[in-house]
């Protein structure tokens, strides 16, 4: 499941890469993951996937079904 925190972490990694940092790391709670040199295209693709996941999870519509009756038939 994608979260807003995942999106923010990837966007930070994109900024780091654009500022010239060739190694990037992402923190998830107590977990620290450092990635080897990455390229911008991979990070942009990953960001798009996270955004699509977030959009899907927030756009699900709740469907309510109900019926009525005027009494005995």
N, C-alpha and C. Protein backbone atom coordinates (compact mmCIF):
# COMPACT_ATOMS: atom_id res chain seq x y z
N UNK A 1 0.84 -1.17 0.00
CA UNK A 1 0.00 0.00 0.00
C UNK A 1 0.89 1.24 0.00
N UNK A 2 0.55 2.16 -0.83
CA UNK A 2 1.31 3.40 -0.95
C UNK A 2 0.78 4.42 0.06
N UNK A 3 1.70 5.23 0.56
CA UNK A 3 1.30 6.28 1.49
C UNK A 3 1.87 7.61 1.03
N UNK A 4 1.35 8.66 1.60
CA UNK A 4 1.86 10.00 1.29
C UNK A 4 3.34 10.10 1.68
N UNK A 5 3.73 9.39 2.75
CA UNK A 5 5.14 9.41 3.18
C UNK A 5 6.05 8.80 2.12
N UNK A 6 5.57 7.75 1.45
CA UNK A 6 6.37 7.14 0.37
C UNK A 6 6.58 8.16 -0.76
N UNK A 7 5.50 8.85 -1.11
CA UNK A 7 5.60 9.85 -2.17
C UNK A 7 6.57 10.95 -1.79
N UNK A 8 6.49 11.43 -0.56
CA UNK A 8 7.41 12.48 -0.10
C UNK A 8 8.85 12.01 -0.11
N UNK A 9 9.09 10.76 0.27
CA UNK A 9 10.45 10.23 0.27
C UNK A 9 11.02 10.15 -1.14
N UNK A 10 10.20 9.72 -2.09
CA UNK A 10 10.67 9.63 -3.48
C UNK A 10 10.92 11.03 -4.04
N UNK A 11 10.04 11.97 -3.72
CA UNK A 11 10.25 13.33 -4.21
C UNK A 11 11.52 13.95 -3.64
N UNK A 12 11.83 13.64 -2.39
CA UNK A 12 13.09 14.11 -1.80
C UNK A 12 14.28 13.49 -2.52
N UNK A 13 14.17 12.20 -2.83
CA UNK A 13 15.26 11.52 -3.54
C UNK A 13 15.45 12.14 -4.93
N UNK A 14 14.36 12.50 -5.59
CA UNK A 14 14.46 13.16 -6.90
C UNK A 14 15.17 14.50 -6.76
N UNK A 15 14.81 15.27 -5.76
CA UNK A 15 15.48 16.56 -5.53
C UNK A 15 16.96 16.37 -5.24
N UNK A 16 17.27 15.38 -4.39
CA UNK A 16 18.68 15.10 -4.08
C UNK A 16 19.46 14.78 -5.34
N UNK A 17 18.88 13.95 -6.19
CA UNK A 17 19.56 13.56 -7.42
C UNK A 17 19.76 14.77 -8.33
N UNK A 18 18.75 15.63 -8.41
CA UNK A 18 18.88 16.81 -9.25
C UNK A 18 19.89 17.81 -8.69
N UNK A 19 20.15 17.75 -7.38
CA UNK A 19 21.15 18.62 -6.76
C UNK A 19 22.56 18.04 -6.86
N UNK A 20 22.69 16.88 -7.49
CA UNK A 20 24.01 16.32 -7.70
C UNK A 20 24.37 15.16 -6.81
N UNK A 21 23.54 14.81 -5.87
CA UNK A 21 23.82 13.65 -5.03
C UNK A 21 23.57 12.40 -5.86
N UNK A 22 24.51 11.49 -5.85
CA UNK A 22 24.39 10.29 -6.65
C UNK A 22 23.96 9.08 -5.82
N UNK A 23 24.01 9.20 -4.52
CA UNK A 23 23.49 8.15 -3.65
C UNK A 23 22.29 8.75 -2.94
N UNK A 24 21.27 7.97 -2.77
CA UNK A 24 20.11 8.48 -2.07
C UNK A 24 19.65 7.45 -1.05
N UNK A 25 18.96 7.93 -0.05
CA UNK A 25 18.46 7.01 0.97
C UNK A 25 17.05 7.44 1.34
N UNK A 26 16.29 6.48 1.80
CA UNK A 26 14.91 6.71 2.19
C UNK A 26 14.70 6.12 3.58
N UNK A 27 14.00 6.87 4.42
CA UNK A 27 13.68 6.40 5.76
C UNK A 27 12.22 6.01 5.82
N UNK A 28 11.95 4.83 6.35
CA UNK A 28 10.59 4.35 6.63
C UNK A 28 10.53 4.05 8.11
N UNK A 29 10.03 4.97 8.89
CA UNK A 29 9.97 4.76 10.33
C UNK A 29 11.37 4.58 10.88
N UNK A 30 11.66 3.42 11.44
CA UNK A 30 12.98 3.12 11.99
C UNK A 30 13.92 2.50 10.96
N UNK A 31 13.41 2.24 9.77
CA UNK A 31 14.20 1.58 8.74
C UNK A 31 14.85 2.62 7.82
N UNK A 32 16.12 2.41 7.55
CA UNK A 32 16.87 3.28 6.66
C UNK A 32 17.37 2.44 5.49
N UNK A 33 17.01 2.85 4.28
CA UNK A 33 17.44 2.13 3.09
C UNK A 33 18.27 3.08 2.25
N UNK A 34 19.50 2.67 1.94
CA UNK A 34 20.35 3.49 1.07
C UNK A 34 20.47 2.79 -0.26
N UNK A 35 20.17 3.52 -1.31
CA UNK A 35 20.21 2.95 -2.64
C UNK A 35 21.53 3.28 -3.31
N UNK A 36 21.91 2.40 -4.19
CA UNK A 36 23.09 2.63 -5.02
C UNK A 36 22.77 3.78 -5.98
N UNK A 37 23.72 4.19 -6.75
CA UNK A 37 23.43 5.27 -7.69
C UNK A 37 22.16 4.97 -8.49
N UNK A 38 21.33 5.97 -8.61
CA UNK A 38 20.05 5.81 -9.30
C UNK A 38 19.99 6.80 -10.45
N UNK A 39 19.05 6.56 -11.34
CA UNK A 39 18.87 7.55 -12.40
C UNK A 39 17.51 8.20 -12.26
N UNK A 40 17.41 9.36 -12.81
CA UNK A 40 16.22 10.18 -12.66
C UNK A 40 14.99 9.52 -13.27
N UNK A 41 15.15 8.85 -14.38
CA UNK A 41 14.01 8.21 -15.04
C UNK A 41 13.36 7.16 -14.14
N UNK A 42 14.18 6.37 -13.44
CA UNK A 42 13.63 5.35 -12.54
C UNK A 42 12.86 5.99 -11.40
N UNK A 43 13.40 7.06 -10.83
CA UNK A 43 12.71 7.73 -9.73
C UNK A 43 11.41 8.38 -10.19
N UNK A 44 11.42 8.97 -11.37
CA UNK A 44 10.20 9.59 -11.89
C UNK A 44 9.13 8.52 -12.16
N UNK A 45 9.54 7.39 -12.69
CA UNK A 45 8.61 6.29 -12.94
C UNK A 45 8.04 5.77 -11.62
N UNK A 46 8.89 5.63 -10.61
CA UNK A 46 8.46 5.17 -9.29
C UNK A 46 7.47 6.17 -8.68
N UNK A 47 7.75 7.46 -8.83
CA UNK A 47 6.85 8.49 -8.32
C UNK A 47 5.49 8.40 -9.00
N UNK A 48 5.47 8.16 -10.30
CA UNK A 48 4.21 8.02 -11.03
C UNK A 48 3.41 6.83 -10.53
N UNK A 49 4.10 5.73 -10.24
CA UNK A 49 3.42 4.54 -9.72
C UNK A 49 2.80 4.82 -8.36
N UNK A 50 3.53 5.52 -7.51
CA UNK A 50 3.01 5.85 -6.17
C UNK A 50 1.81 6.78 -6.29
N UNK A 51 1.90 7.77 -7.17
CA UNK A 51 0.77 8.70 -7.36
C UNK A 51 -0.46 7.96 -7.86
N UNK A 52 -0.27 7.03 -8.78
CA UNK A 52 -1.40 6.25 -9.30
C UNK A 52 -2.02 5.39 -8.20
N UNK A 53 -1.16 4.81 -7.38
CA UNK A 53 -1.64 3.99 -6.25
C UNK A 53 -2.44 4.85 -5.27
N UNK A 54 -1.93 6.02 -4.96
CA UNK A 54 -2.63 6.92 -4.04
C UNK A 54 -3.96 7.40 -4.63
N UNK A 55 -3.97 7.71 -5.92
CA UNK A 55 -5.19 8.17 -6.57
C UNK A 55 -6.24 7.07 -6.57
N UNK A 56 -5.80 5.85 -6.80
CA UNK A 56 -6.73 4.71 -6.82
C UNK A 56 -7.35 4.50 -5.44
N UNK A 57 -6.54 4.59 -4.42
CA UNK A 57 -7.05 4.34 -3.07
C UNK A 57 -7.96 5.44 -2.58
N UNK A 58 -7.80 6.67 -3.07
CA UNK A 58 -8.66 7.76 -2.62
C UNK A 58 -9.87 7.96 -3.51
N UNK A 59 -9.87 7.38 -4.71
CA UNK A 59 -10.99 7.59 -5.62
C UNK A 59 -12.04 6.49 -5.55
N UNK A 60 -11.81 5.50 -4.73
CA UNK A 60 -12.81 4.44 -4.60
C UNK A 60 -14.08 5.03 -4.03
N UNK A 61 -15.15 4.77 -4.71
CA UNK A 61 -16.43 5.31 -4.27
C UNK A 61 -17.17 4.27 -3.46
N UNK A 62 -17.83 4.74 -2.45
CA UNK A 62 -18.65 3.86 -1.63
C UNK A 62 -20.00 3.73 -2.30
N UNK A 63 -20.44 2.50 -2.44
CA UNK A 63 -21.73 2.25 -3.05
C UNK A 63 -22.69 1.79 -1.97
N UNK A 64 -23.80 2.48 -1.88
CA UNK A 64 -24.82 2.15 -0.89
C UNK A 64 -26.04 1.65 -1.64
N UNK A 65 -26.49 0.47 -1.28
CA UNK A 65 -27.67 -0.11 -1.92
C UNK A 65 -28.75 -0.23 -0.85
N UNK A 66 -29.91 0.27 -1.18
CA UNK A 66 -31.01 0.13 -0.25
C UNK A 66 -32.28 -0.15 -1.03
N UNK A 67 -33.27 -0.67 -0.34
CA UNK A 67 -34.55 -0.95 -0.99
C UNK A 67 -35.66 -0.49 -0.07
N UNK A 68 -36.78 -0.21 -0.70
CA UNK A 68 -37.95 0.20 0.07
C UNK A 68 -39.14 -0.67 -0.30
N UNK A 69 -40.10 -0.66 0.55
CA UNK A 69 -41.31 -1.45 0.29
C UNK A 69 -42.50 -0.70 0.83
N UNK A 70 -43.62 -0.81 0.14
CA UNK A 70 -44.84 -0.15 0.59
C UNK A 70 -45.70 -1.09 1.44
N UNK A 71 -45.15 -2.17 1.85
CA UNK A 71 -45.91 -3.10 2.70
C UNK A 71 -46.15 -4.42 1.98
N UNK A 72 -47.20 -5.12 2.44
CA UNK A 72 -47.51 -6.46 1.92
C UNK A 72 -47.96 -6.38 0.47
N UNK A 73 -47.66 -7.42 -0.25
CA UNK A 73 -48.04 -7.47 -1.66
C UNK A 73 -49.20 -8.40 -1.87
